[in-house]
Protein backbone atom coordinates (compact mmCIF):
# COMPACT_ATOMS: atom_id res chain seq x y z
CA GLY A 1 18.78 -20.15 -17.89
CA GLY A 2 17.37 -17.06 -16.27
CA SER A 3 13.72 -16.68 -15.44
CA PRO A 4 11.70 -14.53 -17.83
CA SER A 5 11.18 -10.99 -16.59
CA LEU A 6 7.72 -10.12 -15.36
CA LEU A 7 8.09 -6.60 -16.72
CA THR A 8 9.72 -5.42 -19.91
CA GLU A 9 12.24 -2.59 -19.74
CA GLU A 10 9.64 -0.25 -21.21
CA GLN A 11 7.13 -1.18 -18.52
CA LEU A 12 9.75 -0.64 -15.83
CA ILE A 13 10.43 2.85 -17.17
CA GLU A 14 6.71 3.61 -17.21
CA LEU A 15 6.38 2.36 -13.65
CA ASP A 16 9.35 4.47 -12.55
CA VAL A 17 7.85 7.61 -14.08
CA HIS A 18 4.50 6.80 -12.50
CA LEU A 19 6.06 6.41 -9.04
CA GLN A 20 8.05 9.63 -9.39
CA THR A 21 4.88 11.49 -10.36
CA ASN A 22 3.00 10.07 -7.38
CA LEU A 23 5.85 11.03 -5.04
CA TYR A 24 5.84 14.56 -6.46
CA LEU A 25 2.08 14.92 -6.08
CA SER A 26 2.19 13.47 -2.56
CA ALA A 27 4.90 15.92 -1.56
CA LYS A 28 2.85 18.79 -2.97
CA ALA A 29 -0.24 17.61 -1.10
CA VAL A 30 1.71 17.38 2.16
CA ALA A 31 3.16 20.86 1.63
CA HIS A 32 -0.32 22.27 1.05
CA SER A 33 -1.66 20.61 4.19
CA LEU A 34 1.00 22.23 6.39
CA PRO A 35 0.44 25.62 8.05
CA ALA A 36 1.66 28.46 5.82
CA ARG A 37 4.57 29.45 8.08
CA GLU A 38 5.81 25.82 8.14
CA ALA A 39 5.71 25.67 4.35
CA ARG A 40 7.79 28.86 4.19
CA GLY A 41 10.41 27.27 6.41
CA GLY A 42 9.62 29.11 9.64
C-alpha cells in the first residue's frame, strides 16, 4: 500500500501556479532593480 499523499492534485496545481507567479514577480523585481541600460540588454 502506498502512503497517502500530503497534497491533493488540485492543491499541487495551485501550488505550481503560486510558485510560477512568484518567480514571474521576482524576475520583474530584479529587472526593475537593474540599471536601465542593463535591462535593455546593453
